[in-house]
Amino acid sequence: MTSQTDLAALLCSRLCHDMLSPVGALSNGLELLADEDDPEMRARCIELLEQSAKVSTDKLKFFRLAFGAAGGFGENVEVEEAKAVIASLVADAKRVEVNWALADATLPKPAVKVLLNLAQIALDALIRGGTLDIGAERTGGNVEIVARAVGNRIAFDESIGEALQGNMPPHEITSRTAAAHMIALVAEEMGGGLQYALSEDALVLGGVLPEPEGMIG
């Protein structure tokens, strides 16, 4: 089984990979700004710096909730927090429309972690744009979660699907599949499970997680 240390290292690799571009853009922008005397070009540099800073902040907010302990939140997280994080990621994507179906004002922290990661996987599949539908509700003592990507072309590495379902050998887990493996472990620990369905123009990711004890009601 992949050790906690190995998983943490793989998730750190994923974080560094995703942060390299916006942080690198910040560094390059500062270098250009230092050498630029033209007011119009300086204004353009500052605009690019602001954009890169926003992207960096949005990604860090996502990682905090999706990968980390999300300190500062209680056992439940307001769904508006999750919506804001995903909305920021969608804003950085091209030609993606997002639709929400979140029936409750709050969700257990593990469910939010699963929701965000499934939404990110679905969003990544929409390389030519499309529609991202995200839903979650508490029902019958469970939290049911779904993320559906619909577009002209769906790009999905089925090794991620294998990791989601807990079918990937531990030695084959990579930084690309580490997040899927992590939420599969979260679901397993809660007594639930994840699944996916892939067609030519749609990817559906889902999960059913039993409510943590003491939160049903």
N, C-alpha and C. Protein backbone atom coordinates (compact mmCIF):
# COMPACT_ATOMS: atom_id res chain seq x y z
N MET A 1 0.84 -1.19 0.00
CA MET A 1 0.00 0.00 0.00
C MET A 1 0.89 1.25 0.00
N THR A 2 0.48 2.26 -0.76
CA THR A 2 1.22 3.51 -0.79
C THR A 2 1.25 4.12 0.61
N SER A 3 2.45 4.45 1.12
CA SER A 3 2.55 5.01 2.46
C SER A 3 2.04 6.44 2.47
N GLN A 4 1.72 6.91 3.67
CA GLN A 4 1.28 8.30 3.81
C GLN A 4 2.37 9.27 3.35
N THR A 5 3.62 8.91 3.60
CA THR A 5 4.73 9.75 3.18
C THR A 5 4.80 9.82 1.66
N ASP A 6 4.66 8.68 1.00
CA ASP A 6 4.69 8.65 -0.46
C ASP A 6 3.54 9.47 -1.04
N LEU A 7 2.35 9.31 -0.48
CA LEU A 7 1.19 10.04 -0.97
C LEU A 7 1.37 11.54 -0.78
N ALA A 8 1.88 11.93 0.38
CA ALA A 8 2.13 13.35 0.63
C ALA A 8 3.14 13.91 -0.37
N ALA A 9 4.17 13.13 -0.68
CA ALA A 9 5.18 13.57 -1.64
C ALA A 9 4.58 13.73 -3.04
N LEU A 10 3.72 12.81 -3.43
CA LEU A 10 3.09 12.88 -4.75
C LEU A 10 2.15 14.07 -4.84
N LEU A 11 1.40 14.33 -3.77
CA LEU A 11 0.50 15.49 -3.77
C LEU A 11 1.30 16.79 -3.79
N CYS A 12 2.43 16.81 -3.10
CA CYS A 12 3.30 18.00 -3.16
C CYS A 12 3.82 18.21 -4.57
N SER A 13 4.15 17.13 -5.25
CA SER A 13 4.61 17.24 -6.63
C SER A 13 3.51 17.81 -7.52
N ARG A 14 2.28 17.37 -7.29
CA ARG A 14 1.16 17.90 -8.06
C ARG A 14 0.98 19.39 -7.78
N LEU A 15 1.05 19.78 -6.52
CA LEU A 15 0.90 21.19 -6.16
C LEU A 15 1.99 22.03 -6.82
N CYS A 16 3.24 21.56 -6.73
CA CYS A 16 4.35 22.31 -7.33
C CYS A 16 4.18 22.44 -8.83
N HIS A 17 3.74 21.38 -9.48
CA HIS A 17 3.52 21.41 -10.93
C HIS A 17 2.48 22.45 -11.30
N ASP A 18 1.38 22.47 -10.55
CA ASP A 18 0.28 23.38 -10.87
C ASP A 18 0.63 24.83 -10.53
N MET A 19 1.50 25.03 -9.55
CA MET A 19 1.85 26.39 -9.13
C MET A 19 3.02 26.96 -9.93
N LEU A 20 3.75 26.12 -10.63
CA LEU A 20 4.96 26.58 -11.32
C LEU A 20 4.66 27.66 -12.34
N SER A 21 3.61 27.48 -13.12
CA SER A 21 3.30 28.44 -14.19
C SER A 21 2.92 29.82 -13.66
N PRO A 22 1.92 29.94 -12.75
CA PRO A 22 1.56 31.28 -12.28
C PRO A 22 2.65 31.96 -11.46
N VAL A 23 3.39 31.18 -10.66
CA VAL A 23 4.47 31.78 -9.87
C VAL A 23 5.62 32.19 -10.79
N GLY A 24 5.89 31.38 -11.80
CA GLY A 24 6.91 31.75 -12.77
C GLY A 24 6.54 33.00 -13.52
N ALA A 25 5.24 33.15 -13.84
CA ALA A 25 4.78 34.36 -14.52
C ALA A 25 4.96 35.59 -13.63
N LEU A 26 4.75 35.43 -12.33
CA LEU A 26 4.99 36.53 -11.40
C LEU A 26 6.46 36.96 -11.42
N SER A 27 7.35 35.98 -11.37
CA SER A 27 8.77 36.28 -11.38
C SER A 27 9.19 36.98 -12.67
N ASN A 28 8.71 36.47 -13.81
CA ASN A 28 9.05 37.08 -15.09
C ASN A 28 8.49 38.50 -15.20
N GLY A 29 7.26 38.66 -14.69
CA GLY A 29 6.63 39.98 -14.74
C GLY A 29 7.39 41.01 -13.93
N LEU A 30 7.88 40.59 -12.76
CA LEU A 30 8.66 41.52 -11.92
C LEU A 30 9.97 41.91 -12.60
N GLU A 31 10.59 40.96 -13.28
CA GLU A 31 11.83 41.26 -14.00
C GLU A 31 11.56 42.27 -15.12
N LEU A 32 10.47 42.05 -15.86
CA LEU A 32 10.12 42.97 -16.95
C LEU A 32 9.81 44.36 -16.39
N LEU A 33 9.08 44.40 -15.29
CA LEU A 33 8.70 45.67 -14.69
C LEU A 33 9.93 46.47 -14.25
N ALA A 34 10.91 45.77 -13.72
CA ALA A 34 12.12 46.44 -13.23
C ALA A 34 12.90 47.11 -14.36
N ASP A 35 12.81 46.52 -15.58
CA ASP A 35 13.59 47.03 -16.72
C ASP A 35 12.78 47.93 -17.64
N GLU A 36 11.49 48.12 -17.35
CA GLU A 36 10.61 48.84 -18.28
C GLU A 36 10.38 50.27 -17.82
N ASP A 37 10.58 51.22 -18.74
CA ASP A 37 10.39 52.64 -18.43
C ASP A 37 9.12 53.21 -19.06
N ASP A 38 8.62 52.56 -20.12
CA ASP A 38 7.43 53.07 -20.81
C ASP A 38 6.20 52.90 -19.91
N PRO A 39 5.47 53.98 -19.62
CA PRO A 39 4.30 53.91 -18.72
C PRO A 39 3.25 52.91 -19.19
N GLU A 40 2.99 52.87 -20.48
CA GLU A 40 1.97 51.95 -21.00
C GLU A 40 2.39 50.50 -20.80
N MET A 41 3.66 50.20 -21.06
CA MET A 41 4.14 48.84 -20.87
C MET A 41 4.20 48.48 -19.39
N ARG A 42 4.54 49.44 -18.54
CA ARG A 42 4.54 49.17 -17.10
C ARG A 42 3.14 48.84 -16.61
N ALA A 43 2.14 49.56 -17.14
CA ALA A 43 0.76 49.29 -16.77
C ALA A 43 0.35 47.89 -17.20
N ARG A 44 0.82 47.48 -18.39
CA ARG A 44 0.52 46.14 -18.88
C ARG A 44 1.19 45.08 -18.01
N CYS A 45 2.44 45.35 -17.61
CA CYS A 45 3.13 44.41 -16.72
C CYS A 45 2.39 44.24 -15.40
N ILE A 46 1.93 45.34 -14.85
CA ILE A 46 1.21 45.29 -13.58
C ILE A 46 -0.09 44.50 -13.74
N GLU A 47 -0.76 44.68 -14.86
CA GLU A 47 -2.00 43.93 -15.13
C GLU A 47 -1.71 42.43 -15.18
N LEU A 48 -0.62 42.05 -15.85
CA LEU A 48 -0.26 40.64 -15.93
C LEU A 48 0.13 40.09 -14.56
N LEU A 49 0.80 40.92 -13.76
CA LEU A 49 1.16 40.50 -12.41
C LEU A 49 -0.09 40.26 -11.56
N GLU A 50 -1.06 41.12 -11.69
CA GLU A 50 -2.32 40.96 -10.95
C GLU A 50 -3.03 39.68 -11.36
N GLN A 51 -3.03 39.39 -12.66
CA GLN A 51 -3.67 38.17 -13.14
C GLN A 51 -2.97 36.93 -12.60
N SER A 52 -1.64 36.94 -12.64
CA SER A 52 -0.87 35.79 -12.14
C SER A 52 -1.06 35.62 -10.64
N ALA A 53 -1.12 36.72 -9.91
CA ALA A 53 -1.34 36.65 -8.47
C ALA A 53 -2.70 36.05 -8.16
N LYS A 54 -3.70 36.43 -8.94
CA LYS A 54 -5.05 35.89 -8.72
C LYS A 54 -5.09 34.39 -8.98
N VAL A 55 -4.45 33.97 -10.09
CA VAL A 55 -4.41 32.54 -10.40
C VAL A 55 -3.72 31.77 -9.29
N SER A 56 -2.60 32.31 -8.79
CA SER A 56 -1.87 31.65 -7.70
C SER A 56 -2.73 31.54 -6.45
N THR A 57 -3.42 32.61 -6.11
CA THR A 57 -4.28 32.62 -4.93
C THR A 57 -5.43 31.62 -5.08
N ASP A 58 -6.05 31.59 -6.26
CA ASP A 58 -7.16 30.67 -6.51
C ASP A 58 -6.71 29.22 -6.37
N LYS A 59 -5.54 28.91 -6.92
CA LYS A 59 -5.04 27.54 -6.84
C LYS A 59 -4.73 27.14 -5.40
N LEU A 60 -4.15 28.07 -4.65
CA LEU A 60 -3.83 27.77 -3.25
C LEU A 60 -5.09 27.55 -2.42
N LYS A 61 -6.13 28.33 -2.70
CA LYS A 61 -7.40 28.12 -2.00
C LYS A 61 -7.96 26.74 -2.32
N PHE A 62 -7.83 26.33 -3.59
CA PHE A 62 -8.29 25.00 -3.97
C PHE A 62 -7.50 23.93 -3.23
N PHE A 63 -6.17 24.03 -3.26
CA PHE A 63 -5.34 23.02 -2.61
C PHE A 63 -5.63 22.94 -1.11
N ARG A 64 -5.90 24.08 -0.49
CA ARG A 64 -6.17 24.10 0.94
C ARG A 64 -7.38 23.23 1.28
N LEU A 65 -8.44 23.37 0.50
CA LEU A 65 -9.66 22.60 0.77
C LEU A 65 -9.62 21.20 0.18
N ALA A 66 -9.02 21.06 -1.00
CA ALA A 66 -9.07 19.79 -1.71
C ALA A 66 -8.02 18.79 -1.25
N PHE A 67 -6.85 19.28 -0.81
CA PHE A 67 -5.77 18.39 -0.40
C PHE A 67 -5.44 18.49 1.08
N GLY A 68 -5.58 19.69 1.65
CA GLY A 68 -5.11 19.92 3.00
C GLY A 68 -6.13 19.65 4.08
N ALA A 69 -5.75 20.05 5.31
CA ALA A 69 -6.63 19.85 6.47
C ALA A 69 -7.71 20.91 6.56
N ALA A 70 -7.59 21.97 5.73
CA ALA A 70 -8.59 23.05 5.72
C ALA A 70 -8.79 23.61 7.12
N GLY A 71 -7.69 23.96 7.76
CA GLY A 71 -7.77 24.58 9.08
C GLY A 71 -8.58 25.86 9.04
N GLY A 72 -9.30 26.12 10.12
CA GLY A 72 -10.15 27.31 10.15
C GLY A 72 -11.60 26.97 9.90
N PHE A 73 -11.86 25.78 9.34
CA PHE A 73 -13.22 25.32 9.14
C PHE A 73 -13.56 24.30 10.22
N GLY A 74 -14.84 24.16 10.52
CA GLY A 74 -15.28 23.14 11.45
C GLY A 74 -15.43 21.80 10.74
N GLU A 75 -16.22 20.92 11.32
CA GLU A 75 -16.44 19.61 10.70
C GLU A 75 -17.26 19.73 9.42
N ASN A 76 -18.04 20.80 9.33
CA ASN A 76 -18.80 21.08 8.11
C ASN A 76 -18.25 22.32 7.44
N VAL A 77 -18.31 22.35 6.11
CA VAL A 77 -17.84 23.48 5.31
C VAL A 77 -19.03 24.03 4.52
N GLU A 78 -19.18 25.34 4.49
CA GLU A 78 -20.24 25.94 3.70
C GLU A 78 -20.01 25.67 2.22
N VAL A 79 -21.07 25.28 1.54
CA VAL A 79 -20.93 24.95 0.12
C VAL A 79 -20.53 26.18 -0.70
N GLU A 80 -20.81 27.37 -0.20
CA GLU A 80 -20.40 28.58 -0.91
C GLU A 80 -18.89 28.66 -1.01
N GLU A 81 -18.18 28.12 -0.02
CA GLU A 81 -16.72 28.10 -0.08
C GLU A 81 -16.26 27.23 -1.25
N ALA A 82 -16.87 26.05 -1.37
CA ALA A 82 -16.52 25.15 -2.47
C ALA A 82 -16.89 25.75 -3.81
N LYS A 83 -18.06 26.37 -3.88
CA LYS A 83 -18.49 27.00 -5.14
C LYS A 83 -17.53 28.10 -5.57
N ALA A 84 -17.08 28.89 -4.62
CA ALA A 84 -16.17 29.99 -4.95
C ALA A 84 -14.85 29.47 -5.49
N VAL A 85 -14.36 28.39 -4.90
CA VAL A 85 -13.09 27.80 -5.35
C VAL A 85 -13.22 27.27 -6.77
N ILE A 86 -14.28 26.51 -7.03
CA ILE A 86 -14.48 25.94 -8.36
C ILE A 86 -14.76 27.04 -9.38
N ALA A 87 -15.55 28.04 -9.00
CA ALA A 87 -15.85 29.14 -9.92
C ALA A 87 -14.57 29.84 -10.36
N SER A 88 -13.61 29.97 -9.45
CA SER A 88 -12.33 30.60 -9.80
C SER A 88 -11.56 29.75 -10.79
N LEU A 89 -11.55 28.43 -10.60
CA LEU A 89 -10.86 27.55 -11.52
C LEU A 89 -11.52 27.56 -12.89
N VAL A 90 -12.85 27.57 -12.90
CA VAL A 90 -13.59 27.60 -14.17
C VAL A 90 -13.31 28.89 -14.91
N ALA A 91 -13.17 29.99 -14.16
CA ALA A 91 -12.90 31.29 -14.79
C ALA A 91 -11.58 31.27 -15.53
N ASP A 92 -10.63 30.45 -15.07
CA ASP A 92 -9.33 30.36 -15.73
C ASP A 92 -9.36 29.40 -16.92
N ALA A 93 -10.41 28.59 -17.01
CA ALA A 93 -10.55 27.67 -18.14
C ALA A 93 -11.18 28.41 -19.32
N LYS A 94 -11.21 27.74 -20.47
CA LYS A 94 -11.77 28.36 -21.67
C LYS A 94 -13.08 27.69 -22.05
N ARG A 95 -14.10 28.51 -22.25
CA ARG A 95 -15.38 28.07 -22.81
C ARG A 95 -16.01 26.94 -21.99
N VAL A 96 -16.00 27.11 -20.67
CA VAL A 96 -16.64 26.13 -19.80
C VAL A 96 -17.76 26.81 -19.03
N GLU A 97 -18.95 26.23 -19.10
CA GLU A 97 -20.10 26.72 -18.34
C GLU A 97 -20.35 25.76 -17.18
N VAL A 98 -20.54 26.31 -15.98
CA VAL A 98 -20.74 25.47 -14.82
C VAL A 98 -22.18 25.62 -14.31
N ASN A 99 -22.78 24.49 -13.97
CA ASN A 99 -24.13 24.45 -13.40
C ASN A 99 -24.05 23.76 -12.04
N TRP A 100 -24.77 24.33 -11.07
CA TRP A 100 -24.71 23.84 -9.70
C TRP A 100 -26.04 23.21 -9.30
N ALA A 101 -25.94 22.14 -8.51
CA ALA A 101 -27.12 21.54 -7.89
C ALA A 101 -26.70 21.08 -6.50
N LEU A 102 -26.55 22.04 -5.61
CA LEU A 102 -26.12 21.79 -4.24
C LEU A 102 -27.30 22.04 -3.31
N ALA A 103 -27.82 20.96 -2.75
CA ALA A 103 -29.08 21.05 -2.02
C ALA A 103 -28.94 21.55 -0.59
N ASP A 104 -27.72 21.51 -0.04
CA ASP A 104 -27.53 21.84 1.37
C ASP A 104 -26.58 23.02 1.53
N ALA A 105 -26.73 23.74 2.63
CA ALA A 105 -25.87 24.90 2.88
C ALA A 105 -24.48 24.50 3.32
N THR A 106 -24.34 23.33 3.92
CA THR A 106 -23.04 22.84 4.37
C THR A 106 -22.88 21.37 4.00
N LEU A 107 -21.63 20.94 3.94
CA LEU A 107 -21.32 19.53 3.72
C LEU A 107 -20.17 19.14 4.65
N PRO A 108 -20.09 17.86 5.04
CA PRO A 108 -18.95 17.44 5.85
C PRO A 108 -17.63 17.70 5.12
N LYS A 109 -16.61 18.02 5.87
CA LYS A 109 -15.31 18.37 5.28
C LYS A 109 -14.79 17.29 4.32
N PRO A 110 -14.88 15.97 4.66
CA PRO A 110 -14.41 14.96 3.70
C PRO A 110 -15.20 14.98 2.39
N ALA A 111 -16.50 15.27 2.48
CA ALA A 111 -17.32 15.32 1.26
C ALA A 111 -16.91 16.49 0.38
N VAL A 112 -16.56 17.61 1.00
CA VAL A 112 -16.09 18.77 0.23
C VAL A 112 -14.78 18.44 -0.46
N LYS A 113 -13.90 17.72 0.23
CA LYS A 113 -12.63 17.31 -0.37
C LYS A 113 -12.89 16.45 -1.62
N VAL A 114 -13.81 15.51 -1.51
CA VAL A 114 -14.15 14.65 -2.65
C VAL A 114 -14.80 15.47 -3.76
N LEU A 115 -15.73 16.33 -3.39
CA LEU A 115 -16.44 17.16 -4.37
C LEU A 115 -15.45 18.00 -5.19
N LEU A 116 -14.53 18.67 -4.52
CA LEU A 116 -13.58 19.54 -5.21
C LEU A 116 -12.67 18.76 -6.14
N ASN A 117 -12.21 17.61 -5.70
CA ASN A 117 -11.33 16.82 -6.54
C ASN A 117 -12.05 16.24 -7.75
N LEU A 118 -13.29 15.79 -7.56
CA LEU A 118 -14.05 15.29 -8.69
C LEU A 118 -14.34 16.41 -9.69
N ALA A 119 -14.66 17.60 -9.16
CA ALA A 119 -14.91 18.74 -10.04
C ALA A 119 -13.66 19.11 -10.84
N GLN A 120 -12.49 19.07 -10.18
CA GLN A 120 -11.24 19.39 -10.87
C GLN A 120 -10.94 18.38 -11.96
N ILE A 121 -11.15 17.10 -11.68
CA ILE A 121 -10.92 16.05 -12.69
C ILE A 121 -11.85 16.26 -13.88
N ALA A 122 -13.12 16.55 -13.60
CA ALA A 122 -14.09 16.77 -14.68
C ALA A 122 -13.72 18.00 -15.50
N LEU A 123 -13.30 19.06 -14.82
CA LEU A 123 -12.91 20.29 -15.51
C LEU A 123 -11.71 20.05 -16.42
N ASP A 124 -10.73 19.30 -15.93
CA ASP A 124 -9.55 19.00 -16.73
C ASP A 124 -9.89 18.23 -18.00
N ALA A 125 -11.00 17.49 -17.96
CA ALA A 125 -11.40 16.69 -19.13
C ALA A 125 -11.95 17.54 -20.26
N LEU A 126 -12.37 18.78 -19.96
CA LEU A 126 -13.01 19.64 -20.95
C LEU A 126 -11.96 20.48 -21.68
N ILE A 127 -11.10 19.82 -22.45
CA ILE A 127 -10.00 20.53 -23.09
C ILE A 127 -10.48 21.44 -24.22
N ARG A 128 -11.67 21.21 -24.75
CA ARG A 128 -12.23 22.07 -25.79
C ARG A 128 -13.48 22.80 -25.31
N GLY A 129 -13.62 22.90 -24.00
CA GLY A 129 -14.78 23.58 -23.45
C GLY A 129 -15.98 22.66 -23.36
N GLY A 130 -17.03 23.17 -22.76
CA GLY A 130 -18.23 22.38 -22.60
C GLY A 130 -18.97 22.78 -21.34
N THR A 131 -19.67 21.84 -20.76
CA THR A 131 -20.49 22.09 -19.58
C THR A 131 -20.02 21.24 -18.41
N LEU A 132 -19.91 21.87 -17.26
CA LEU A 132 -19.54 21.17 -16.03
C LEU A 132 -20.71 21.26 -15.07
N ASP A 133 -21.31 20.13 -14.75
CA ASP A 133 -22.42 20.06 -13.80
C ASP A 133 -21.92 19.46 -12.49
N ILE A 134 -22.20 20.14 -11.39
CA ILE A 134 -21.73 19.70 -10.08
C ILE A 134 -22.91 19.64 -9.13
N GLY A 135 -23.10 18.50 -8.49
CA GLY A 135 -24.21 18.35 -7.57
C GLY A 135 -23.82 17.60 -6.32
N ALA A 136 -24.52 17.88 -5.23
CA ALA A 136 -24.30 17.16 -3.98
C ALA A 136 -25.53 17.34 -3.10
N GLU A 137 -25.88 16.28 -2.38
CA GLU A 137 -26.98 16.39 -1.42
C GLU A 137 -26.81 15.35 -0.33
N ARG A 138 -27.34 15.69 0.84
CA ARG A 138 -27.36 14.78 1.96
C ARG A 138 -28.72 14.09 1.95
N THR A 139 -28.68 12.75 1.90
CA THR A 139 -29.93 12.01 1.83
C THR A 139 -29.75 10.63 2.44
N GLY A 140 -30.68 10.26 3.31
CA GLY A 140 -30.67 8.93 3.90
C GLY A 140 -29.41 8.57 4.65
N GLY A 141 -28.77 9.56 5.29
CA GLY A 141 -27.55 9.28 6.03
C GLY A 141 -26.29 9.28 5.19
N ASN A 142 -26.43 9.58 3.89
CA ASN A 142 -25.28 9.63 2.99
C ASN A 142 -25.15 11.01 2.36
N VAL A 143 -23.96 11.28 1.84
CA VAL A 143 -23.76 12.44 0.99
C VAL A 143 -23.49 11.90 -0.42
N GLU A 144 -24.34 12.27 -1.35
CA GLU A 144 -24.18 11.84 -2.74
C GLU A 144 -23.60 12.99 -3.55
N ILE A 145 -22.57 12.70 -4.31
CA ILE A 145 -21.82 13.72 -5.05
C ILE A 145 -21.70 13.31 -6.50
N VAL A 146 -21.84 14.27 -7.41
CA VAL A 146 -21.65 13.98 -8.83
C VAL A 146 -20.99 15.18 -9.51
N ALA A 147 -20.09 14.90 -10.43
CA ALA A 147 -19.49 15.92 -11.30
C ALA A 147 -19.54 15.36 -12.72
N ARG A 148 -20.17 16.11 -13.61
CA ARG A 148 -20.33 15.63 -14.99
C ARG A 148 -19.75 16.65 -15.97
N ALA A 149 -18.88 16.17 -16.84
CA ALA A 149 -18.31 17.00 -17.90
C ALA A 149 -18.89 16.57 -19.23
N VAL A 150 -19.45 17.52 -19.97
CA VAL A 150 -20.02 17.23 -21.29
C VAL A 150 -19.39 18.19 -22.30
N GLY A 151 -18.82 17.66 -23.36
CA GLY A 151 -18.17 18.51 -24.35
C GLY A 151 -17.91 17.76 -25.65
N ASN A 152 -17.40 18.50 -26.62
CA ASN A 152 -17.13 17.91 -27.93
C ASN A 152 -16.02 16.87 -27.88
N ARG A 153 -15.09 17.06 -26.97
CA ARG A 153 -14.03 16.07 -26.81
C ARG A 153 -13.70 15.97 -25.33
N ILE A 154 -13.72 14.76 -24.83
CA ILE A 154 -13.41 14.51 -23.42
C ILE A 154 -12.02 13.88 -23.34
N ALA A 155 -11.13 14.51 -22.60
CA ALA A 155 -9.78 13.98 -22.41
C ALA A 155 -9.67 13.43 -21.00
N PHE A 156 -9.65 12.13 -20.89
CA PHE A 156 -9.63 11.52 -19.56
C PHE A 156 -8.72 10.30 -19.56
N ASP A 157 -7.74 10.33 -18.70
CA ASP A 157 -6.84 9.20 -18.53
C ASP A 157 -7.52 8.19 -17.60
N GLU A 158 -7.83 7.02 -18.14
CA GLU A 158 -8.60 6.06 -17.35
C GLU A 158 -7.80 5.50 -16.18
N SER A 159 -6.50 5.78 -16.13
CA SER A 159 -5.75 5.40 -14.93
C SER A 159 -6.24 6.21 -13.73
N ILE A 160 -6.73 7.43 -13.99
CA ILE A 160 -7.33 8.23 -12.92
C ILE A 160 -8.60 7.54 -12.43
N GLY A 161 -9.38 7.01 -13.37
CA GLY A 161 -10.58 6.27 -13.00
C GLY A 161 -10.27 5.03 -12.19
N GLU A 162 -9.21 4.33 -12.57
CA GLU A 162 -8.80 3.15 -11.80
C GLU A 162 -8.41 3.54 -10.38
N ALA A 163 -7.70 4.68 -10.26
CA ALA A 163 -7.31 5.14 -8.92
C ALA A 163 -8.54 5.54 -8.11
N LEU A 164 -9.51 6.19 -8.76
CA LEU A 164 -10.74 6.58 -8.07
C LEU A 164 -11.45 5.38 -7.47
N GLN A 165 -11.45 4.28 -8.20
CA GLN A 165 -12.17 3.09 -7.75
C GLN A 165 -11.31 2.17 -6.89
N GLY A 166 -10.08 2.63 -6.60
CA GLY A 166 -9.21 1.83 -5.75
C GLY A 166 -8.64 0.61 -6.41
N ASN A 167 -8.60 0.61 -7.75
CA ASN A 167 -8.14 -0.57 -8.50
C ASN A 167 -6.70 -0.46 -8.99
N MET A 168 -6.02 0.65 -8.71
CA MET A 168 -4.66 0.82 -9.20
C MET A 168 -3.66 0.28 -8.20
N PRO A 169 -2.71 -0.54 -8.65
CA PRO A 169 -1.67 -1.04 -7.73
C PRO A 169 -0.91 0.13 -7.10
N PRO A 170 -0.62 0.04 -5.81
CA PRO A 170 0.03 1.16 -5.12
C PRO A 170 1.31 1.65 -5.78
N HIS A 171 2.11 0.73 -6.32
CA HIS A 171 3.38 1.13 -6.92
C HIS A 171 3.19 1.91 -8.22
N GLU A 172 1.97 1.92 -8.76
CA GLU A 172 1.70 2.64 -10.01
C GLU A 172 1.12 4.02 -9.77
N ILE A 173 0.86 4.39 -8.52
CA ILE A 173 0.32 5.73 -8.21
C ILE A 173 1.38 6.78 -8.56
N THR A 174 0.98 7.81 -9.30
CA THR A 174 1.87 8.89 -9.69
C THR A 174 1.28 10.23 -9.22
N SER A 175 2.01 11.32 -9.46
CA SER A 175 1.48 12.63 -9.10
C SER A 175 0.20 12.93 -9.87
N ARG A 176 0.03 12.32 -11.05
CA ARG A 176 -1.17 12.54 -11.86
C ARG A 176 -2.39 11.85 -11.25
N THR A 177 -2.17 10.70 -10.62
CA THR A 177 -3.28 9.94 -10.06
C THR A 177 -3.38 10.03 -8.54
N ALA A 178 -2.46 10.78 -7.92
CA ALA A 178 -2.41 10.82 -6.46
C ALA A 178 -3.67 11.41 -5.84
N ALA A 179 -4.22 12.47 -6.45
CA ALA A 179 -5.43 13.08 -5.89
C ALA A 179 -6.61 12.12 -5.94
N ALA A 180 -6.73 11.39 -7.06
CA ALA A 180 -7.80 10.40 -7.17
C ALA A 180 -7.62 9.29 -6.14
N HIS A 181 -6.38 8.87 -5.96
CA HIS A 181 -6.08 7.84 -4.96
C HIS A 181 -6.42 8.35 -3.55
N MET A 182 -6.10 9.60 -3.28
CA MET A 182 -6.37 10.18 -1.96
C MET A 182 -7.86 10.17 -1.64
N ILE A 183 -8.70 10.64 -2.58
CA ILE A 183 -10.12 10.69 -2.27
C ILE A 183 -10.75 9.30 -2.28
N ALA A 184 -10.12 8.35 -2.99
CA ALA A 184 -10.58 6.96 -2.88
C ALA A 184 -10.35 6.45 -1.47
N LEU A 185 -9.22 6.82 -0.88
CA LEU A 185 -8.94 6.44 0.51
C LEU A 185 -9.91 7.11 1.47
N VAL A 186 -10.21 8.41 1.21
CA VAL A 186 -11.19 9.12 2.04
C VAL A 186 -12.54 8.41 2.01
N ALA A 187 -12.98 8.05 0.80
CA ALA A 187 -14.27 7.36 0.65
C ALA A 187 -14.25 6.01 1.35
N GLU A 188 -13.16 5.28 1.20
CA GLU A 188 -13.05 3.96 1.82
C GLU A 188 -13.09 4.06 3.34
N GLU A 189 -12.36 5.04 3.87
CA GLU A 189 -12.34 5.22 5.33
C GLU A 189 -13.71 5.54 5.89
N MET A 190 -14.54 6.21 5.07
CA MET A 190 -15.89 6.57 5.52
C MET A 190 -16.90 5.47 5.25
N GLY A 191 -16.47 4.40 4.59
CA GLY A 191 -17.39 3.31 4.27
C GLY A 191 -18.18 3.55 3.01
N GLY A 192 -17.68 4.43 2.14
CA GLY A 192 -18.36 4.73 0.88
C GLY A 192 -17.52 4.32 -0.30
N GLY A 193 -17.82 4.91 -1.47
CA GLY A 193 -17.08 4.56 -2.66
C GLY A 193 -17.26 5.57 -3.77
N LEU A 194 -16.39 5.48 -4.76
CA LEU A 194 -16.42 6.37 -5.91
C LEU A 194 -16.54 5.54 -7.19
N GLN A 195 -17.04 6.18 -8.24
CA GLN A 195 -17.16 5.50 -9.51
C GLN A 195 -17.13 6.51 -10.64
N TYR A 196 -16.97 6.01 -11.87
CA TYR A 196 -16.98 6.90 -13.03
C TYR A 196 -17.55 6.18 -14.23
N ALA A 197 -18.04 6.98 -15.19
CA ALA A 197 -18.53 6.44 -16.46
C ALA A 197 -18.05 7.38 -17.55
N LEU A 198 -17.50 6.81 -18.62
CA LEU A 198 -16.91 7.60 -19.69
C LEU A 198 -17.52 7.23 -21.02
N SER A 199 -17.90 8.26 -21.79
CA SER A 199 -18.37 8.06 -23.16
C SER A 199 -17.62 9.06 -24.04
N GLU A 200 -17.94 9.08 -25.32
CA GLU A 200 -17.21 9.94 -26.25
C GLU A 200 -17.35 11.41 -25.91
N ASP A 201 -18.52 11.82 -25.41
CA ASP A 201 -18.75 13.24 -25.15
C ASP A 201 -19.13 13.55 -23.72
N ALA A 202 -18.94 12.61 -22.80
CA ALA A 202 -19.31 12.88 -21.41
C ALA A 202 -18.48 12.04 -20.45
N LEU A 203 -18.18 12.64 -19.33
CA LEU A 203 -17.52 11.97 -18.22
C LEU A 203 -18.35 12.24 -16.97
N VAL A 204 -18.77 11.17 -16.30
CA VAL A 204 -19.56 11.31 -15.07
C VAL A 204 -18.76 10.69 -13.93
N LEU A 205 -18.54 11.48 -12.90
CA LEU A 205 -17.82 11.03 -11.71
C LEU A 205 -18.77 11.13 -10.52
N GLY A 206 -18.80 10.11 -9.70
CA GLY A 206 -19.74 10.13 -8.59
C GLY A 206 -19.18 9.49 -7.34
N GLY A 207 -19.80 9.82 -6.23
CA GLY A 207 -19.40 9.23 -4.97
C GLY A 207 -20.56 9.21 -3.99
N VAL A 208 -20.58 8.20 -3.15
CA VAL A 208 -21.54 8.10 -2.05
C VAL A 208 -20.74 7.92 -0.77
N LEU A 209 -20.90 8.87 0.15
CA LEU A 209 -20.15 8.85 1.41
C LEU A 209 -21.11 8.86 2.59
N PRO A 210 -21.05 7.87 3.46
CA PRO A 210 -21.88 7.92 4.67
C PRO A 210 -21.53 9.15 5.50
N GLU A 211 -22.54 9.76 6.09
CA GLU A 211 -22.33 10.90 6.97
C GLU A 211 -21.47 10.47 8.17
N PRO A 212 -20.51 11.30 8.57
CA PRO A 212 -19.76 11.00 9.80
C PRO A 212 -20.73 10.88 10.97
N GLU A 213 -20.40 10.03 11.93
CA GLU A 213 -21.25 9.85 13.10
C GLU A 213 -21.45 11.16 13.83
N GLY A 214 -22.67 11.40 14.25
CA GLY A 214 -22.98 12.61 14.99
C GLY A 214 -23.41 13.77 14.10
N MET A 215 -23.37 13.56 12.76
CA MET A 215 -23.73 14.63 11.84
C MET A 215 -25.04 14.35 11.12
N ILE A 216 -25.60 13.19 11.32
CA ILE A 216 -26.84 12.86 10.64
C ILE A 216 -28.00 13.54 11.32
N GLY A 217 -28.83 14.19 10.49
CA GLY A 217 -29.98 14.83 11.08
C GLY A 217 -30.50 15.93 10.24
